[in-house]
């Protein structure tokens, strides 16, 4: 694991033995007392209102990417406080806006922990109040750390989807009651990804905070909402012509709010903007197993 910052010393001896979090055997079962979790990384987004995030932990993705970050997205990602900053109450806020900026009609922010916080296996968790609105696409996800920042003509094993992608939560703003999880890899990516979802009953993900987590183990990956495991993907779910790449290397985390794209469709004039993703914390635990 790479923790190239002072937080690599934080809570290295802390053991969460109260059993508040763990893998479970049956879907729909609350997290039990089976595991002792060791906290490896934590960002609580403390700081004054308007301050930037801690760049010891996070990188900014800037611009429109190739073909709208590969998804026909419409936003221009920036590092401006108008799009990403602390709120002074222990939160990071990513704000998607409707505005003309460097050739784009929308702005937002996308951050990642590549080369700063990377981990193979563990529990990856964030407490988030999601945005909503047609065409708004928030995500908490992970990519294989061996991915090339600027792909070239080398073997495709260093490019997406060959490095692997774990989508802990993606939400279509027009479906604010549903969170979507997915795995992308060689032979199962884009529209052919391995997917699942979880629906709230009489509630919405843009109405309050919820905890989104994945527990990544050798050979299988579990997905949780508010400590309820609702989904498991394993090697057995991979198509015959696919390859399970989730035991090969470490991954890094990403948080972003896209506007428009192949997954979510496109905003309309009535889409209420700005929209905010409010992040209370991000944590990584060793599973202790």
C-alpha atoms as a PDB file:
ATOM      1  CA  UNK A   1       0.000   0.000   0.000  1.00  0.00           C
ATOM      2  CA  UNK A   2       1.158   3.506  -0.820  1.00  0.00           C
ATOM      3  CA  UNK A   3       0.362   6.188   1.749  1.00  0.00           C
ATOM      4  CA  UNK A   4       2.774   8.897   0.743  1.00  0.00           C
ATOM      5  CA  UNK A   5       1.688  11.371   3.392  1.00  0.00           C
ATOM      6  CA  UNK A   6       1.603  11.851   7.117  1.00  0.00           C
ATOM      7  CA  UNK A   7      -1.641   9.910   7.354  1.00  0.00           C
ATOM      8  CA  UNK A   8       0.294   6.693   6.818  1.00  0.00           C
ATOM      9  CA  UNK A   9       1.067   6.863  10.531  1.00  0.00           C
ATOM     10  CA  UNK A  10      -2.515   7.537  11.549  1.00  0.00           C
ATOM     11  CA  UNK A  11      -4.218   4.825  13.573  1.00  0.00           C
ATOM     12  CA  UNK A  12      -1.776   2.138  12.441  1.00  0.00           C
ATOM     13  CA  UNK A  13      -2.334   0.397  15.743  1.00  0.00           C
ATOM     14  CA  UNK A  14      -6.037   1.139  15.982  1.00  0.00           C
ATOM     15  CA  UNK A  15      -8.141  -1.992  15.882  1.00  0.00           C
ATOM     16  CA  UNK A  16     -11.863  -1.649  15.414  1.00  0.00           C
ATOM     17  CA  UNK A  17     -12.951  -4.601  17.536  1.00  0.00           C
ATOM     18  CA  UNK A  18     -16.488  -3.548  18.322  1.00  0.00           C
ATOM     19  CA  UNK A  19     -17.715  -5.338  15.199  1.00  0.00           C
ATOM     20  CA  UNK A  20     -19.562  -2.409  13.736  1.00  0.00           C
ATOM     21  CA  UNK A  21     -18.372  -3.338  10.247  1.00  0.00           C
ATOM     22  CA  UNK A  22     -17.699  -6.650   8.573  1.00  0.00           C
ATOM     23  CA  UNK A  23     -18.303  -8.941   5.694  1.00  0.00           C
ATOM     24  CA  UNK A  24     -21.456 -11.040   6.010  1.00  0.00           C
ATOM     25  CA  UNK A  25     -22.601 -14.283   4.458  1.00  0.00           C
ATOM     26  CA  UNK A  26     -26.157 -13.396   3.458  1.00  0.00           C
ATOM     27  CA  UNK A  27     -27.288 -10.463   1.356  1.00  0.00           C
ATOM     28  CA  UNK A  28     -29.538  -8.072   3.221  1.00  0.00           C
ATOM     29  CA  UNK A  29     -27.876  -8.846   6.538  1.00  0.00           C
ATOM     30  CA  UNK A  30     -26.457  -6.108   8.713  1.00  0.00           C
ATOM     31  CA  UNK A  31     -22.715  -6.070   9.181  1.00  0.00           C
ATOM     32  CA  UNK A  32     -21.862  -8.349  12.074  1.00  0.00           C
ATOM     33  CA  UNK A  33     -18.958  -8.991  14.408  1.00  0.00           C
ATOM     34  CA  UNK A  34     -16.847 -11.317  12.311  1.00  0.00           C
ATOM     35  CA  UNK A  35     -13.886  -9.072  11.556  1.00  0.00           C
ATOM     36  CA  UNK A  36     -11.429  -6.844  13.345  1.00  0.00           C
ATOM     37  CA  UNK A  37     -10.833  -3.880  11.068  1.00  0.00           C
ATOM     38  CA  UNK A  38      -7.618  -1.882  11.191  1.00  0.00           C
ATOM     39  CA  UNK A  39      -7.946   1.708  10.042  1.00  0.00           C
ATOM     40  CA  UNK A  40      -5.292   2.404   7.409  1.00  0.00           C
ATOM     41  CA  UNK A  41      -6.398   5.746   5.971  1.00  0.00           C
ATOM     42  CA  UNK A  42      -8.871   8.465   6.871  1.00  0.00           C
ATOM     43  CA  UNK A  43      -9.673  11.909   5.486  1.00  0.00           C
ATOM     44  CA  UNK A  44     -12.289  13.824   7.483  1.00  0.00           C
ATOM     45  CA  UNK A  45     -12.019  16.982   5.366  1.00  0.00           C
ATOM     46  CA  UNK A  46     -11.332  19.246   8.304  1.00  0.00           C
ATOM     47  CA  UNK A  47     -10.456  22.847   7.534  1.00  0.00           C
ATOM     48  CA  UNK A  48     -11.889  26.301   7.058  1.00  0.00           C
ATOM     49  CA  UNK A  49     -14.704  26.999   4.631  1.00  0.00           C
ATOM     50  CA  UNK A  50     -13.385  27.614   1.131  1.00  0.00           C
ATOM     51  CA  UNK A  51     -10.054  25.871   1.698  1.00  0.00           C
ATOM     52  CA  UNK A  52      -8.807  23.319  -0.800  1.00  0.00           C
ATOM     53  CA  UNK A  53      -8.645  19.609  -0.066  1.00  0.00           C
ATOM     54  CA  UNK A  54      -5.450  17.962   1.187  1.00  0.00           C
ATOM     55  CA  UNK A  55      -3.256  17.419  -1.871  1.00  0.00           C
ATOM     56  CA  UNK A  56      -1.091  15.004   0.107  1.00  0.00           C
ATOM     57  CA  UNK A  57      -4.029  12.632  -0.374  1.00  0.00           C
ATOM     58  CA  UNK A  58      -5.750  13.782  -3.555  1.00  0.00           C
ATOM     59  CA  UNK A  59      -5.024  14.765  -7.160  1.00  0.00           C
ATOM     60  CA  UNK A  60      -7.286  16.885  -9.354  1.00  0.00           C
ATOM     61  CA  UNK A  61      -8.365  15.726 -12.805  1.00  0.00           C
ATOM     62  CA  UNK A  62      -8.643  18.810 -15.012  1.00  0.00           C
ATOM     63  CA  UNK A  63     -10.432  19.375 -18.322  1.00  0.00           C
ATOM     64  CA  UNK A  64     -12.793  17.390 -20.507  1.00  0.00           C
ATOM     65  CA  UNK A  65     -10.752  14.233 -21.019  1.00  0.00           C
ATOM     66  CA  UNK A  66     -10.832  12.215 -24.221  1.00  0.00           C
ATOM     67  CA  UNK A  67     -14.374  12.010 -25.630  1.00  0.00           C
ATOM     68  CA  UNK A  68     -15.820  13.450 -22.432  1.00  0.00           C
ATOM     69  CA  UNK A  69     -13.731  11.183 -20.185  1.00  0.00           C
ATOM     70  CA  UNK A  70     -14.662   8.265 -22.421  1.00  0.00           C
ATOM     71  CA  UNK A  71     -18.375   8.659 -21.648  1.00  0.00           C
ATOM     72  CA  UNK A  72     -19.504  11.700 -23.693  1.00  0.00           C
ATOM     73  CA  UNK A  73     -19.718  13.744 -20.494  1.00  0.00           C
ATOM     74  CA  UNK A  74     -20.371  17.479 -20.849  1.00  0.00           C
ATOM     75  CA  UNK A  75     -18.592  19.059 -17.879  1.00  0.00           C
ATOM     76  CA  UNK A  76     -15.175  20.686 -17.583  1.00  0.00           C
ATOM     77  CA  UNK A  77     -13.451  19.496 -14.409  1.00  0.00           C
ATOM     78  CA  UNK A  78     -11.639  22.203 -12.441  1.00  0.00           C
ATOM     79  CA  UNK A  79      -9.851  22.676  -9.134  1.00  0.00           C
ATOM     80  CA  UNK A  80     -11.584  26.010  -8.462  1.00  0.00           C
ATOM     81  CA  UNK A  81     -13.262  26.551  -5.082  1.00  0.00           C
ATOM     82  CA  UNK A  82     -16.467  27.147  -7.028  1.00  0.00           C
ATOM     83  CA  UNK A  83     -16.378  23.442  -7.895  1.00  0.00           C
ATOM     84  CA  UNK A  84     -14.533  21.810  -4.990  1.00  0.00           C
ATOM     85  CA  UNK A  85     -13.663  22.983  -1.485  1.00  0.00           C
ATOM     86  CA  UNK A  86     -14.121  22.325   2.209  1.00  0.00           C
ATOM     87  CA  UNK A  87     -17.265  23.726   3.829  1.00  0.00           C
ATOM     88  CA  UNK A  88     -15.827  24.399   7.297  1.00  0.00           C
ATOM     89  CA  UNK A  89     -18.074  21.756   8.876  1.00  0.00           C
ATOM     90  CA  UNK A  90     -15.931  18.705   8.217  1.00  0.00           C
ATOM     91  CA  UNK A  91     -17.106  18.080   4.669  1.00  0.00           C
ATOM     92  CA  UNK A  92     -15.728  18.273   1.161  1.00  0.00           C
ATOM     93  CA  UNK A  93     -18.190  19.637  -1.382  1.00  0.00           C
ATOM     94  CA  UNK A  94     -18.060  18.971  -5.131  1.00  0.00           C
ATOM     95  CA  UNK A  95     -20.387  21.328  -6.996  1.00  0.00           C
ATOM     96  CA  UNK A  96     -21.638  20.782 -10.546  1.00  0.00           C
ATOM     97  CA  UNK A  97     -22.633  24.069 -12.189  1.00  0.00           C
ATOM     98  CA  UNK A  98     -24.309  25.227 -15.372  1.00  0.00           C
ATOM     99  CA  UNK A  99     -21.898  27.850 -16.713  1.00  0.00           C
ATOM    100  CA  UNK A 100     -19.893  28.580 -19.834  1.00  0.00           C
ATOM    101  CA  UNK A 101     -16.258  27.688 -19.130  1.00  0.00           C
ATOM    102  CA  UNK A 102     -13.459  27.079 -21.630  1.00  0.00           C
ATOM    103  CA  UNK A 103     -15.814  25.747 -24.279  1.00  0.00           C
ATOM    104  CA  UNK A 104     -18.008  23.678 -21.960  1.00  0.00           C
ATOM    105  CA  UNK A 105     -21.465  24.523 -20.671  1.00  0.00           C
ATOM    106  CA  UNK A 106     -21.017  22.816 -17.298  1.00  0.00           C
ATOM    107  CA  UNK A 107     -18.274  22.624 -14.665  1.00  0.00           C
ATOM    108  CA  UNK A 108     -17.606  20.205 -11.829  1.00  0.00           C
ATOM    109  CA  UNK A 109     -14.707  18.404 -10.105  1.00  0.00           C
ATOM    110  CA  UNK A 110     -13.092  14.979 -10.073  1.00  0.00           C
ATOM    111  CA  UNK A 111     -10.356  13.857  -7.672  1.00  0.00           C
ATOM    112  CA  UNK A 112      -8.284  10.719  -7.249  1.00  0.00           C
ATOM    113  CA  UNK A 113      -5.658   9.224  -4.934  1.00  0.00           C
ATOM    114  CA  UNK A 114      -3.337   7.753  -7.596  1.00  0.00           C
ATOM    115  CA  UNK A 115       0.279   7.417  -6.389  1.00  0.00           C
ATOM    116  CA  UNK A 116      -0.758   8.806  -2.983  1.00  0.00           C
ATOM    117  CA  UNK A 117      -3.219   6.368  -1.408  1.00  0.00           C
ATOM    118  CA  UNK A 118      -3.359   2.949  -3.043  1.00  0.00           C
ATOM    119  CA  UNK A 119      -4.391  -0.369  -1.520  1.00  0.00           C
ATOM    120  CA  UNK A 120      -4.869  -3.997  -2.506  1.00  0.00           C
ATOM    121  CA  UNK A 121      -7.821  -5.545  -0.642  1.00  0.00           C
ATOM    122  CA  UNK A 122      -9.666  -3.983   2.284  1.00  0.00           C
ATOM    123  CA  UNK A 123     -12.781  -2.016   3.084  1.00  0.00           C
ATOM    124  CA  UNK A 124     -13.154   1.249   1.154  1.00  0.00           C
ATOM    125  CA  UNK A 125     -15.828   3.480   2.631  1.00  0.00           C
ATOM    126  CA  UNK A 126     -17.256   6.979   2.289  1.00  0.00           C
ATOM    127  CA  UNK A 127     -20.173   8.793   3.894  1.00  0.00           C
ATOM    128  CA  UNK A 128     -21.814  10.975   1.257  1.00  0.00           C
ATOM    129  CA  UNK A 129     -24.897  13.054   0.547  1.00  0.00           C
ATOM    130  CA  UNK A 130     -25.370  12.627  -3.178  1.00  0.00           C
ATOM    131  CA  UNK A 131     -26.640  15.154  -5.724  1.00  0.00           C
ATOM    132  CA  UNK A 132     -29.697  14.582  -7.906  1.00  0.00           C
ATOM    133  CA  UNK A 133     -31.334  15.851 -11.078  1.00  0.00           C
ATOM    134  CA  UNK A 134     -31.676  14.447 -14.586  1.00  0.00           C
ATOM    135  CA  UNK A 135     -28.291  14.039 -16.235  1.00  0.00           C
ATOM    136  CA  UNK A 136     -26.291  14.416 -12.991  1.00  0.00           C
ATOM    137  CA  UNK A 137     -23.918  11.493 -12.386  1.00  0.00           C
ATOM    138  CA  UNK A 138     -22.081  11.248  -9.029  1.00  0.00           C
ATOM    139  CA  UNK A 139     -19.651   8.400  -8.428  1.00  0.00           C
ATOM    140  CA  UNK A 140     -17.385   6.875  -5.781  1.00  0.00           C
ATOM    141  CA  UNK A 141     -15.154   4.353  -7.520  1.00  0.00           C
ATOM    142  CA  UNK A 142     -11.714   2.760  -7.942  1.00  0.00           C
ATOM    143  CA  UNK A 143      -9.220   2.065 -10.734  1.00  0.00           C
ATOM    144  CA  UNK A 144      -6.236  -0.258 -10.974  1.00  0.00           C
ATOM    145  CA  UNK A 145      -3.132   1.635  -9.941  1.00  0.00           C
ATOM    146  CA  UNK A 146      -1.072   0.382 -12.897  1.00  0.00           C
ATOM    147  CA  UNK A 147      -3.178   2.366 -15.367  1.00  0.00           C
ATOM    148  CA  UNK A 148      -1.239   4.662 -17.678  1.00  0.00           C
ATOM    149  CA  UNK A 149      -2.058   8.338 -17.240  1.00  0.00           C
ATOM    150  CA  UNK A 150      -1.285   8.876 -20.933  1.00  0.00           C
ATOM    151  CA  UNK A 151      -1.905   5.571 -22.746  1.00  0.00           C
ATOM    152  CA  UNK A 152       0.482   4.764 -25.586  1.00  0.00           C
ATOM    153  CA  UNK A 153       0.957   1.817 -27.904  1.00  0.00           C
ATOM    154  CA  UNK A 154       2.301  -0.511 -25.246  1.00  0.00           C
ATOM    155  CA  UNK A 155       0.308  -3.669 -24.466  1.00  0.00           C
ATOM    156  CA  UNK A 156      -3.241  -2.877 -23.379  1.00  0.00           C
ATOM    157  CA  UNK A 157      -2.701  -4.411 -19.959  1.00  0.00           C
ATOM    158  CA  UNK A 158      -1.831  -0.885 -18.752  1.00  0.00           C
ATOM    159  CA  UNK A 159      -5.027   0.678 -20.045  1.00  0.00           C
ATOM    160  CA  UNK A 160      -8.715   0.640 -19.173  1.00  0.00           C
ATOM    161  CA  UNK A 161     -10.506  -1.742 -18.824  1.00  0.00           C
ATOM    162  CA  UNK A 162      -7.591  -4.178 -18.523  1.00  0.00           C
ATOM    163  CA  UNK A 163      -6.459  -2.685 -15.202  1.00  0.00           C
ATOM    164  CA  UNK A 164      -9.917  -3.145 -13.666  1.00  0.00           C
ATOM    165  CA  UNK A 165     -12.544  -0.756 -12.289  1.00  0.00           C
ATOM    166  CA  UNK A 166     -14.677  -1.115  -9.148  1.00  0.00           C
ATOM    167  CA  UNK A 167     -17.719   1.166  -9.024  1.00  0.00           C
ATOM    168  CA  UNK A 168     -18.716   1.389  -5.370  1.00  0.00           C
ATOM    169  CA  UNK A 169     -21.589   3.767  -6.116  1.00  0.00           C
ATOM    170  CA  UNK A 170     -22.861   5.439  -9.261  1.00  0.00           C
ATOM    171  CA  UNK A 171     -26.192   7.236  -9.243  1.00  0.00           C
ATOM    172  CA  UNK A 172     -28.341   8.463 -12.101  1.00  0.00           C
ATOM    173  CA  UNK A 173     -29.685  11.790 -10.885  1.00  0.00           C
ATOM    174  CA  UNK A 174     -33.121  10.994 -12.300  1.00  0.00           C
ATOM    175  CA  UNK A 175     -33.169   7.843 -10.119  1.00  0.00           C
ATOM    176  CA  UNK A 176     -32.141   9.263  -6.732  1.00  0.00           C
ATOM    177  CA  UNK A 177     -33.468   6.208  -4.872  1.00  0.00           C
ATOM    178  CA  UNK A 178     -31.047   3.756  -6.575  1.00  0.00           C
ATOM    179  CA  UNK A 179     -27.300   3.214  -6.245  1.00  0.00           C
ATOM    180  CA  UNK A 180     -25.477   1.141  -8.839  1.00  0.00           C
ATOM    181  CA  UNK A 181     -22.354  -0.997  -8.411  1.00  0.00           C
ATOM    182  CA  UNK A 182     -20.237  -2.514 -11.171  1.00  0.00           C
ATOM    183  CA  UNK A 183     -17.028  -4.270 -12.135  1.00  0.00           C
ATOM    184  CA  UNK A 184     -15.249  -3.494 -15.393  1.00  0.00           C
ATOM    185  CA  UNK A 185     -12.408  -5.603 -16.742  1.00  0.00           C
ATOM    186  CA  UNK A 186     -11.184  -7.376 -19.874  1.00  0.00           C
ATOM    187  CA  UNK A 187     -14.223  -8.946 -21.531  1.00  0.00           C
ATOM    188  CA  UNK A 188     -16.801  -7.105 -19.388  1.00  0.00           C
ATOM    189  CA  UNK A 189     -16.726  -3.318 -19.595  1.00  0.00           C
ATOM    190  CA  UNK A 190     -18.863  -0.346 -20.539  1.00  0.00           C
ATOM    191  CA  UNK A 191     -22.362  -1.548 -21.371  1.00  0.00           C
ATOM    192  CA  UNK A 192     -21.208  -5.120 -20.768  1.00  0.00           C
ATOM    193  CA  UNK A 193     -19.982  -4.555 -17.212  1.00  0.00           C
ATOM    194  CA  UNK A 194     -21.046  -6.814 -14.349  1.00  0.00           C
ATOM    195  CA  UNK A 195     -23.639  -4.767 -12.475  1.00  0.00           C
ATOM    196  CA  UNK A 196     -26.033  -4.702  -9.543  1.00  0.00           C
ATOM    197  CA  UNK A 197     -28.041  -2.104  -7.655  1.00  0.00           C
ATOM    198  CA  UNK A 198     -29.773  -1.278  -4.401  1.00  0.00           C
ATOM    199  CA  UNK A 199     -32.997   0.728  -3.999  1.00  0.00           C
ATOM    200  CA  UNK A 200     -33.993   2.745  -0.957  1.00  0.00           C
ATOM    201  CA  UNK A 201     -37.600   2.470   0.210  1.00  0.00           C
ATOM    202  CA  UNK A 202     -39.357   5.780   0.841  1.00  0.00           C
ATOM    203  CA  UNK A 203     -36.025   7.609   0.792  1.00  0.00           C
ATOM    204  CA  UNK A 204     -33.544   9.187  -1.621  1.00  0.00           C
ATOM    205  CA  UNK A 205     -29.765   9.295  -1.748  1.00  0.00           C
ATOM    206  CA  UNK A 206     -29.896  13.055  -2.353  1.00  0.00           C
ATOM    207  CA  UNK A 207     -31.990  13.633   0.789  1.00  0.00           C
ATOM    208  CA  UNK A 208     -29.318  12.818   3.374  1.00  0.00           C
ATOM    209  CA  UNK A 209     -26.048  11.087   4.145  1.00  0.00           C
ATOM    210  CA  UNK A 210     -25.515   7.383   3.496  1.00  0.00           C
ATOM    211  CA  UNK A 211     -22.461   5.168   3.884  1.00  0.00           C
ATOM    212  CA  UNK A 212     -21.160   3.498   0.727  1.00  0.00           C
ATOM    213  CA  UNK A 213     -18.587   0.729   1.056  1.00  0.00           C
ATOM    214  CA  UNK A 214     -16.958  -2.196  -0.642  1.00  0.00           C
ATOM    215  CA  UNK A 215     -15.055  -5.020   1.021  1.00  0.00           C
ATOM    216  CA  UNK A 216     -12.515  -6.387  -1.438  1.00  0.00           C
ATOM    217  CA  UNK A 217     -11.170  -9.858  -0.734  1.00  0.00           C
ATOM    218  CA  UNK A 218      -9.140 -12.319  -2.818  1.00  0.00           C
ATOM    219  CA  UNK A 219     -11.578 -13.741  -5.348  1.00  0.00           C
ATOM    220  CA  UNK A 220     -14.678 -11.735  -4.393  1.00  0.00           C
ATOM    221  CA  UNK A 221     -15.921  -8.202  -3.687  1.00  0.00           C
ATOM    222  CA  UNK A 222     -18.884  -7.245  -1.457  1.00  0.00           C
ATOM    223  CA  UNK A 223     -20.922  -4.029  -1.646  1.00  0.00           C
ATOM    224  CA  UNK A 224     -22.653  -2.286   1.268  1.00  0.00           C
ATOM    225  CA  UNK A 225     -25.116   0.537   1.853  1.00  0.00           C
ATOM    226  CA  UNK A 226     -25.341   1.720   5.456  1.00  0.00           C
ATOM    227  CA  UNK A 227     -23.554  -1.479   6.575  1.00  0.00           C
ATOM    228  CA  UNK A 228     -26.046  -3.742   4.798  1.00  0.00           C
ATOM    229  CA  UNK A 229     -24.411  -6.046   2.277  1.00  0.00           C
ATOM    230  CA  UNK A 230     -26.592  -6.157  -0.807  1.00  0.00           C
ATOM    231  CA  UNK A 231     -24.299  -7.590  -3.472  1.00  0.00           C
ATOM    232  CA  UNK A 232     -21.307  -9.857  -4.050  1.00  0.00           C
ATOM    233  CA  UNK A 233     -19.268 -10.271  -7.231  1.00  0.00           C
ATOM    234  CA  UNK A 234     -16.789 -13.138  -7.563  1.00  0.00           C
ATOM    235  CA  UNK A 235     -14.620 -14.869 -10.128  1.00  0.00           C
ATOM    236  CA  UNK A 236     -17.640 -17.030 -10.978  1.00  0.00           C
ATOM    237  CA  UNK A 237     -19.494 -13.964 -12.294  1.00  0.00           C
ATOM    238  CA  UNK A 238     -16.870 -13.231 -14.948  1.00  0.00           C
ATOM    239  CA  UNK A 239     -17.815 -14.277 -18.510  1.00  0.00           C
ATOM    240  CA  UNK A 240     -15.898 -17.151 -20.071  1.00  0.00           C
ATOM    241  CA  UNK A 241     -13.944 -14.813 -22.348  1.00  0.00           C
ATOM    242  CA  UNK A 242     -13.205 -12.392 -19.485  1.00  0.00           C
ATOM    243  CA  UNK A 243     -10.396 -12.170 -16.978  1.00  0.00           C
ATOM    244  CA  UNK A 244     -10.589 -11.521 -13.225  1.00  0.00           C
ATOM    245  CA  UNK A 245      -7.984  -8.792 -12.635  1.00  0.00           C
ATOM    246  CA  UNK A 246      -8.872  -7.910  -9.042  1.00  0.00           C
ATOM    247  CA  UNK A 247      -6.122  -9.963  -7.430  1.00  0.00           C
ATOM    248  CA  UNK A 248      -3.324  -8.519  -9.568  1.00  0.00           C
ATOM    249  CA  UNK A 249      -2.475  -5.088  -8.122  1.00  0.00           C
ATOM    250  CA  UNK A 250      -3.540  -2.236  -5.855  1.00  0.00           C
ATOM    251  CA  UNK A 251      -6.290   0.256  -6.716  1.00  0.00           C
ATOM    252  CA  UNK A 252      -6.805   3.976  -6.064  1.00  0.00           C
ATOM    253  CA  UNK A 253     -10.033   5.863  -5.269  1.00  0.00           C
ATOM    254  CA  UNK A 254     -11.933   8.520  -7.215  1.00  0.00           C
ATOM    255  CA  UNK A 255     -14.818  10.876  -6.399  1.00  0.00           C
ATOM    256  CA  UNK A 256     -16.577  12.995  -9.013  1.00  0.00           C
ATOM    257  CA  UNK A 257     -19.821  14.491 -10.250  1.00  0.00           C
ATOM    258  CA  UNK A 258     -20.272  14.262 -14.014  1.00  0.00           C
ATOM    259  CA  UNK A 259     -22.931  16.066 -16.028  1.00  0.00           C
ATOM    260  CA  UNK A 260     -24.341  14.027 -18.891  1.00  0.00           C
ATOM    261  CA  UNK A 261     -22.873  10.911 -20.411  1.00  0.00           C
ATOM    262  CA  UNK A 262     -23.601   7.464 -21.749  1.00  0.00           C
ATOM    263  CA  UNK A 263     -24.612   6.052 -18.359  1.00  0.00           C
ATOM    264  CA  UNK A 264     -26.954   8.784 -17.213  1.00  0.00           C
ATOM    265  CA  UNK A 265     -28.188  10.563 -20.344  1.00  0.00           C
ATOM    266  CA  UNK A 266     -28.129  14.328 -20.587  1.00  0.00           C
ATOM    267  CA  UNK A 267     -29.484  17.181 -18.488  1.00  0.00           C
ATOM    268  CA  UNK A 268     -32.477  19.217 -19.549  1.00  0.00           C
ATOM    269  CA  UNK A 269     -33.205  22.882 -19.029  1.00  0.00           C
ATOM    270  CA  UNK A 270     -35.269  21.944 -15.975  1.00  0.00           C
ATOM    271  CA  UNK A 271     -32.381  20.061 -14.324  1.00  0.00           C
ATOM    272  CA  UNK A 272     -31.810  21.982 -11.080  1.00  0.00           C
ATOM    273  CA  UNK A 273     -28.204  23.182 -10.962  1.00  0.00           C
ATOM    274  CA  UNK A 274     -25.951  23.687  -9.100  1.00  0.00           C
ATOM    275  CA  UNK A 275     -25.935  20.241  -7.494  1.00  0.00           C
ATOM    276  CA  UNK A 276     -23.554  19.168  -4.724  1.00  0.00           C
ATOM    277  CA  UNK A 277     -21.897  15.971  -3.564  1.00  0.00           C
ATOM    278  CA  UNK A 278     -21.141  16.447   0.149  1.00  0.00           C
ATOM    279  CA  UNK A 279     -18.520  14.017   1.474  1.00  0.00           C
ATOM    280  CA  UNK A 280     -18.198  13.573   5.239  1.00  0.00           C
ATOM    281  CA  UNK A 281     -15.217  11.201   5.216  1.00  0.00           C
ATOM    282  CA  UNK A 282     -13.297   8.625   3.192  1.00  0.00           C
ATOM    283  CA  UNK A 283     -11.695   5.627   4.935  1.00  0.00           C
ATOM    284  CA  UNK A 284      -9.749   2.473   4.148  1.00  0.00           C
ATOM    285  CA  UNK A 285      -9.592  -0.467   6.550  1.00  0.00           C
ATOM    286  CA  UNK A 286      -7.553  -3.636   6.535  1.00  0.00           C
ATOM    287  CA  UNK A 287     -10.036  -6.496   6.849  1.00  0.00           C
ATOM    288  CA  UNK A 288      -7.947  -8.405   9.350  1.00  0.00           C
ATOM    289  CA  UNK A 289      -8.531 -11.751   7.653  1.00  0.00           C
END
